[in-house]
Amino acid sequence: MSRLEGRVVVAGGAGFLGSHLCARLIDRGNEVVALDNLITGSLRNLEELVGHPGFTFQHQDVSNHVYVPGEIAAVMNLASPASPKDFTEIPIPILKVGALGTHNLLGLAKDKGARFFQASTSEVYGDPLVHPQPESYWGHVNPIGPRGVYDEAKRFGEAMVMAYHRHHGVDVRIVRIFNTYGPRMRPDDGRVVSNLLVQALAGKPLTIYGEGEQTRSFCYVDDEVEGFLRLLDSDYVGPVNIGNPNEFTVRELADLVLEVTGSTSELVFEPLPTDDPARRRPDIALARSVLGWEPQVQLREGLERTAEHFAKVAGLGQEGDRR
């Protein structure tokens, strides 16, 4: 597996995952052009890269025409809001970036003769009837439910990527991401890890939906980005699951959050959201065999790192004491 050299465009580069990816690409010697409309991303995530000679930021909504001058080795599409609260607050932009944005970025890759990397999601599996989920599973998605705007945008994106590969010969990679967490998550993004950590650090009750028996598999951001780069550098065309196969109930996650933060917060139970998946766990046999990848950071260690980040950005310590 040879490392991809040259300049890389990262759409969604100011987001949680995108900013970590930009930093890793710079560290390994690639030049990076980050594109972001900042609807959910933040320039604060890119502070460490500003001024680096190999890094450029371009304020850009990729749902509109995308122009980047000069040679490009790869286009990596991470441009999409990806949090549950976004699905109800900005559903149309999510659909547009999944369809129009992916189309525009594929056109850029085609014009530049660049490799195209699509960040897809475990949400393409919906509320799965197969467990764990292999890449061969076609999914169980409600296209008209509130989560459908994200699920179907990503499913459509995958279809378009493969159409450009088959019809135009674009060299493509597709990653399916499972519940990634870590520093630079938005504290108020509505994801379960950020919700529970911020509530615990603030000394507020921890919100559990349903009975907390639904399961998720949580992958720390450093592991996720390492998987991205191995897939980018590989010759494998087609979806690859990149996620941590260790499965936890939400109740188990909440208990671990309380241990990590030292919080004495109580648990409060709310009704399950519509179409909330009952189980979610990646089959990563393909990633292990093709990429030699598997996660290294266990959940407790990752939560400790993420809690430290939230304590800084929210200015909170144990039980809500100001630091």
Protein backbone atom coordinates (compact mmCIF):
# COMPACT_ATOMS: atom_id res chain seq x y z
CA MET A 1 0.00 0.00 0.00
CA SER A 2 1.66 3.23 -1.17
CA ARG A 3 0.87 6.57 0.43
CA LEU A 4 -1.05 9.04 -1.74
CA GLU A 5 1.10 12.10 -2.38
CA GLY A 6 0.05 15.58 -3.41
CA ARG A 7 -2.68 18.07 -2.60
CA VAL A 8 -5.93 16.90 -1.01
CA VAL A 9 -9.25 18.76 -0.93
CA VAL A 10 -11.22 18.03 2.26
CA ALA A 11 -14.86 19.10 2.02
CA GLY A 12 -16.27 19.65 5.50
CA GLY A 13 -12.74 20.36 6.68
CA ALA A 14 -13.81 22.59 9.59
CA GLY A 15 -16.05 19.93 11.11
CA PHE A 16 -15.30 17.49 13.92
CA LEU A 17 -13.98 14.67 11.74
CA GLY A 18 -12.82 16.86 8.88
CA SER A 19 -10.52 18.98 11.04
CA HIS A 20 -8.82 15.90 12.52
CA LEU A 21 -8.37 14.54 8.99
CA CYS A 22 -6.85 17.83 7.76
CA ALA A 23 -4.32 17.76 10.62
CA ARG A 24 -3.31 14.16 9.92
CA LEU A 25 -2.89 14.85 6.20
CA ILE A 26 -0.67 17.86 6.94
CA ASP A 27 1.35 15.83 9.44
CA ARG A 28 2.11 13.19 6.85
CA GLY A 29 3.18 15.68 4.20
CA ASN A 30 0.12 16.32 2.04
CA GLU A 31 -1.00 19.83 1.18
CA VAL A 32 -4.62 20.43 2.16
CA VAL A 33 -7.40 22.67 0.89
CA ALA A 34 -10.26 22.64 3.41
CA LEU A 35 -13.73 23.59 2.15
CA ASP A 36 -16.55 24.38 4.57
CA ASN A 37 -19.66 26.58 4.68
CA LEU A 38 -19.41 26.62 8.52
CA ILE A 39 -23.06 25.67 8.99
CA THR A 40 -21.95 23.15 11.63
CA GLY A 41 -18.16 23.37 11.32
CA SER A 42 -16.00 25.96 13.07
CA LEU A 43 -12.79 27.75 12.19
CA ARG A 44 -11.78 27.15 15.79
CA ASN A 45 -11.24 23.50 14.84
CA LEU A 46 -8.55 24.60 12.35
CA GLU A 47 -6.65 27.08 14.53
CA GLU A 48 -3.56 24.89 14.71
CA LEU A 49 -3.34 24.70 10.91
CA VAL A 50 -3.84 28.39 10.08
CA GLY A 51 -0.56 29.80 8.80
CA HIS A 52 0.87 26.42 7.84
CA PRO A 53 2.32 26.75 4.32
CA GLY A 54 0.62 23.55 3.16
CA PHE A 55 -2.85 24.49 4.39
CA THR A 56 -5.56 26.62 2.77
CA PHE A 57 -9.13 27.29 3.87
CA GLN A 58 -11.87 28.14 1.38
CA HIS A 59 -15.31 29.22 2.60
CA GLN A 60 -17.49 27.15 0.30
CA ASP A 61 -20.94 25.60 0.19
CA VAL A 62 -20.27 22.53 -1.93
CA SER A 63 -23.97 22.36 -2.82
CA ASN A 64 -23.02 25.18 -5.20
CA HIS A 65 -20.39 25.05 -7.93
CA VAL A 66 -16.96 24.12 -6.57
CA TYR A 67 -13.77 25.51 -8.07
CA VAL A 68 -10.29 24.78 -6.75
CA PRO A 69 -7.39 25.88 -8.97
CA GLY A 70 -4.28 23.78 -9.50
CA GLU A 71 -3.50 20.09 -9.33
CA ILE A 72 -5.38 17.85 -6.91
CA ALA A 73 -4.50 14.29 -5.94
CA ALA A 74 -7.66 13.50 -4.00
CA VAL A 75 -11.05 14.91 -3.06
CA MET A 76 -12.35 13.73 0.32
CA ASN A 77 -16.05 14.42 0.90
CA LEU A 78 -16.90 14.81 4.59
CA ALA A 79 -19.32 17.66 3.92
CA SER A 80 -22.54 16.96 5.77
CA PRO A 81 -24.16 17.76 9.10
CA ALA A 82 -24.30 14.43 10.92
CA SER A 83 -26.01 14.90 14.28
CA PRO A 84 -29.58 13.93 15.25
CA LYS A 85 -30.63 17.50 16.06
CA ASP A 86 -29.45 18.55 12.58
CA PHE A 87 -31.87 16.09 10.98
CA THR A 88 -34.84 18.10 12.26
CA GLU A 89 -33.31 21.61 12.25
CA ILE A 90 -31.63 21.66 8.81
CA PRO A 91 -33.07 18.74 6.81
CA ILE A 92 -33.00 20.45 3.40
CA PRO A 93 -29.29 21.42 3.54
CA ILE A 94 -28.51 17.81 4.55
CA LEU A 95 -30.33 16.47 1.49
CA LYS A 96 -28.74 19.08 -0.77
CA VAL A 97 -25.18 18.45 0.38
CA GLY A 98 -25.68 14.69 0.09
CA ALA A 99 -26.93 14.99 -3.48
CA LEU A 100 -25.74 18.25 -5.07
CA GLY A 101 -22.60 18.49 -2.95
CA THR A 102 -21.50 14.96 -3.75
CA HIS A 103 -22.24 15.57 -7.45
CA ASN A 104 -20.20 18.79 -7.52
CA LEU A 105 -17.24 17.23 -5.72
CA LEU A 106 -17.29 14.19 -7.99
CA GLY A 107 -17.20 16.60 -10.94
CA LEU A 108 -14.14 18.27 -9.42
CA ALA A 109 -12.41 14.92 -8.97
CA LYS A 110 -13.27 13.89 -12.53
CA ASP A 111 -11.94 17.15 -13.98
CA LYS A 112 -8.69 16.91 -11.98
CA GLY A 113 -8.14 13.18 -12.45
CA ALA A 114 -8.20 12.88 -8.65
CA ARG A 115 -9.10 10.02 -6.35
CA PHE A 116 -12.51 10.50 -4.69
CA PHE A 117 -13.18 9.53 -1.06
CA GLN A 118 -16.77 9.45 0.16
CA ALA A 119 -17.55 9.57 3.88
CA SER A 120 -20.71 7.51 4.21
CA THR A 121 -22.25 6.19 7.38
CA SER A 122 -23.59 3.22 9.30
CA GLU A 123 -26.94 5.00 8.95
CA VAL A 124 -27.21 3.45 5.47
CA TYR A 125 -28.06 0.25 7.37
CA GLY A 126 -30.96 1.99 9.14
CA ASP A 127 -32.48 -0.06 11.97
CA PRO A 128 -30.69 -3.22 10.89
CA LEU A 129 -32.22 -6.69 10.65
CA VAL A 130 -28.72 -8.21 10.29
CA HIS A 131 -26.29 -8.06 13.20
CA PRO A 132 -23.43 -7.19 13.14
CA GLN A 133 -23.63 -5.27 9.87
CA PRO A 134 -21.35 -6.34 6.99
CA GLU A 135 -20.83 -4.18 3.92
CA SER A 136 -22.94 -6.66 1.91
CA TYR A 137 -26.08 -5.81 3.93
CA TRP A 138 -28.44 -3.51 2.00
CA GLY A 139 -30.06 -1.98 5.04
CA HIS A 140 -33.49 -1.34 6.57
CA VAL A 141 -34.23 2.38 6.25
CA ASN A 142 -37.44 4.39 6.56
CA PRO A 143 -37.08 6.87 3.68
CA ILE A 144 -39.83 9.22 4.92
CA GLY A 145 -38.98 9.29 8.63
CA PRO A 146 -37.12 12.18 10.30
CA ARG A 147 -33.79 10.32 10.08
CA GLY A 148 -34.41 9.57 6.40
CA VAL A 149 -32.99 12.92 5.25
CA TYR A 150 -29.52 11.81 6.39
CA ASP A 151 -29.84 8.08 5.72
CA GLU A 152 -31.11 8.51 2.19
CA ALA A 153 -28.75 11.37 1.36
CA LYS A 154 -25.84 9.09 2.21
CA ARG A 155 -27.32 6.12 0.35
CA PHE A 156 -27.84 8.32 -2.71
CA GLY A 157 -24.28 9.62 -2.34
CA GLU A 158 -22.89 6.09 -2.44
CA ALA A 159 -24.94 5.34 -5.56
CA MET A 160 -23.62 8.46 -7.29
CA VAL A 161 -20.03 7.67 -6.34
CA MET A 162 -20.28 4.20 -7.85
CA ALA A 163 -22.00 5.60 -10.96
CA TYR A 164 -19.09 8.01 -11.50
CA HIS A 165 -16.70 5.11 -10.99
CA ARG A 166 -18.44 2.85 -13.49
CA HIS A 167 -19.43 5.47 -16.07
CA HIS A 168 -16.55 7.96 -15.88
CA GLY A 169 -13.76 5.79 -14.48
CA VAL A 170 -13.26 7.95 -11.37
CA ASP A 171 -11.07 6.18 -8.80
CA VAL A 172 -13.27 6.03 -5.68
CA ARG A 173 -13.25 4.95 -2.03
CA ILE A 174 -16.26 4.73 0.33
CA VAL A 175 -16.07 4.54 4.11
CA ARG A 176 -19.03 3.72 6.33
CA ILE A 177 -18.52 5.48 9.67
CA PHE A 178 -19.87 4.15 12.99
CA ASN A 179 -20.55 6.50 15.94
CA THR A 180 -17.27 8.39 16.10
CA TYR A 181 -16.49 10.56 19.14
CA GLY A 182 -13.64 12.64 20.53
CA PRO A 183 -12.36 16.20 20.96
CA ARG A 184 -13.95 18.89 18.76
CA MET A 185 -17.42 17.39 18.87
CA ARG A 186 -20.02 20.11 19.32
CA PRO A 187 -21.15 20.06 22.96
CA ASP A 188 -24.78 20.59 21.90
CA ASP A 189 -24.85 18.38 18.81
CA GLY A 190 -27.34 15.88 20.21
CA ARG A 191 -25.13 12.79 19.89
CA VAL A 192 -25.23 10.40 22.81
CA VAL A 193 -21.55 10.71 23.85
CA SER A 194 -21.52 14.51 23.85
CA ASN A 195 -24.95 14.71 25.51
CA LEU A 196 -23.98 12.46 28.41
CA LEU A 197 -20.51 13.90 28.95
CA VAL A 198 -21.65 17.52 28.96
CA GLN A 199 -24.58 16.73 31.26
CA ALA A 200 -22.31 14.84 33.67
CA LEU A 201 -19.68 17.59 33.72
CA ALA A 202 -22.38 20.19 34.39
CA GLY A 203 -23.89 18.13 37.20
CA LYS A 204 -27.18 17.79 35.32
CA PRO A 205 -29.31 14.64 34.99
CA LEU A 206 -28.19 12.28 32.21
CA THR A 207 -30.85 11.81 29.54
CA ILE A 208 -31.48 8.20 28.50
CA TYR A 209 -33.90 7.48 25.67
CA GLY A 210 -36.12 4.45 26.08
CA GLU A 211 -34.76 2.01 28.66
CA GLY A 212 -31.19 2.53 27.46
CA GLU A 213 -31.02 -1.01 26.08
CA GLN A 214 -30.32 0.10 22.50
CA THR A 215 -26.70 -0.61 21.55
CA ARG A 216 -24.03 1.37 19.77
CA SER A 217 -20.38 0.84 18.88
CA PHE A 218 -18.19 3.87 19.61
CA CYS A 219 -14.99 4.59 17.67
CA TYR A 220 -12.48 7.16 18.90
CA VAL A 221 -11.63 9.83 16.33
CA ASP A 222 -7.91 8.98 16.06
CA ASP A 223 -8.74 5.39 15.15
CA GLU A 224 -11.39 6.52 12.66
CA VAL A 225 -9.05 8.89 10.83
CA GLU A 226 -6.32 6.23 10.70
CA GLY A 227 -8.87 4.00 8.96
CA PHE A 228 -9.70 6.80 6.53
CA LEU A 229 -6.07 7.20 5.51
CA ARG A 230 -5.48 3.49 5.10
CA LEU A 231 -8.53 3.29 2.85
CA LEU A 232 -7.48 6.38 0.90
CA ASP A 233 -4.05 4.85 0.26
CA SER A 234 -5.44 1.42 -0.62
CA ASP A 235 -6.60 0.05 -3.97
CA TYR A 236 -9.95 -1.11 -2.61
CA VAL A 237 -13.07 0.22 -4.37
CA GLY A 238 -16.34 -0.21 -2.53
CA PRO A 239 -17.71 0.44 0.94
CA VAL A 240 -15.61 -0.42 3.99
CA ASN A 241 -16.89 -0.29 7.57
CA ILE A 242 -14.59 1.68 9.86
CA GLY A 243 -15.84 1.44 13.42
CA ASN A 244 -15.18 -0.18 16.76
CA PRO A 245 -16.86 -3.62 16.99
CA ASN A 246 -17.19 -3.45 20.80
CA GLU A 247 -20.90 -3.05 21.49
CA PHE A 248 -22.36 -1.20 24.48
CA THR A 249 -25.88 -0.41 25.59
CA VAL A 250 -26.59 3.28 26.11
CA ARG A 251 -27.14 2.50 29.79
CA GLU A 252 -23.64 0.98 29.98
CA LEU A 253 -22.27 4.09 28.29
CA ALA A 254 -24.02 6.32 30.83
CA ASP A 255 -22.59 4.33 33.74
CA LEU A 256 -19.09 4.63 32.27
CA VAL A 257 -19.54 8.38 31.76
CA LEU A 258 -20.44 8.72 35.44
CA GLU A 259 -17.30 6.79 36.41
CA VAL A 260 -15.00 8.77 34.12
CA THR A 261 -16.31 12.18 35.19
CA GLY A 262 -16.85 11.34 38.85
CA SER A 263 -20.35 12.77 38.52
CA THR A 264 -23.21 11.88 40.87
CA SER A 265 -25.85 12.90 38.32
CA GLU A 266 -29.03 10.86 38.23
CA LEU A 267 -30.45 9.23 35.11
CA VAL A 268 -33.70 10.44 33.56
CA PHE A 269 -35.57 8.45 30.94
CA GLU A 270 -37.32 9.93 27.90
CA PRO A 271 -39.26 8.30 25.02
CA LEU A 272 -37.24 6.82 22.19
CA PRO A 273 -36.89 9.05 19.09
CA THR A 274 -38.61 7.92 15.91
CA ASP A 275 -36.73 5.20 13.99
CA ASP A 276 -33.94 5.06 16.58
CA PRO A 277 -31.91 1.92 15.69
CA ALA A 278 -32.16 -0.86 18.28
CA ARG A 279 -28.69 -2.26 17.57
CA ARG A 280 -25.61 -1.02 15.75
CA ARG A 281 -22.30 -2.86 15.46
CA PRO A 282 -19.88 -3.03 12.51
CA ASP A 283 -18.49 -6.19 11.04
CA ILE A 284 -14.89 -5.06 10.38
CA ALA A 285 -13.54 -8.26 8.83
CA LEU A 286 -13.02 -6.42 5.54
CA ALA A 287 -11.11 -3.54 7.14
CA ARG A 288 -8.90 -6.02 8.99
CA SER A 289 -8.11 -8.07 5.88
CA VAL A 290 -7.81 -5.31 3.25
CA LEU A 291 -6.44 -2.41 5.33
CA GLY A 292 -4.82 -4.18 8.29
CA TRP A 293 -6.89 -1.82 10.45
CA GLU A 294 -8.63 -2.21 13.75
CA PRO A 295 -9.27 0.28 16.56
CA GLN A 296 -6.72 0.79 19.33
CA VAL A 297 -8.41 3.19 21.77
CA GLN A 298 -10.87 1.59 24.18
CA LEU A 299 -14.03 3.37 25.25
CA ARG A 300 -12.91 4.35 28.76
CA GLU A 301 -9.70 5.97 27.50
CA GLY A 302 -11.54 7.74 24.69
CA LEU A 303 -14.19 9.07 27.05
CA GLU A 304 -11.50 10.39 29.41
CA ARG A 305 -9.87 12.30 26.55
CA THR A 306 -13.21 13.63 25.32
CA ALA A 307 -14.33 14.64 28.82
CA GLU A 308 -11.12 16.63 29.22
CA HIS A 309 -11.90 18.44 25.96
CA PHE A 310 -15.47 19.27 27.00
CA ALA A 311 -14.32 20.42 30.42
CA LYS A 312 -12.10 22.98 28.67
CA VAL A 313 -14.52 24.21 26.02
CA ALA A 314 -17.50 24.33 28.39
CA GLY A 315 -15.46 25.64 31.32
CA LEU A 316 -16.91 22.92 33.56
CA GLY A 317 -15.43 20.49 35.99
CA GLN A 318 -17.00 17.81 38.15
CA GLU A 319 -20.56 18.59 39.23
CA GLY A 320 -20.57 21.87 37.28
CA ASP A 321 -17.81 23.68 39.23
CA ARG A 322 -16.13 26.34 37.15
CA ARG A 323 -12.48 25.73 36.39
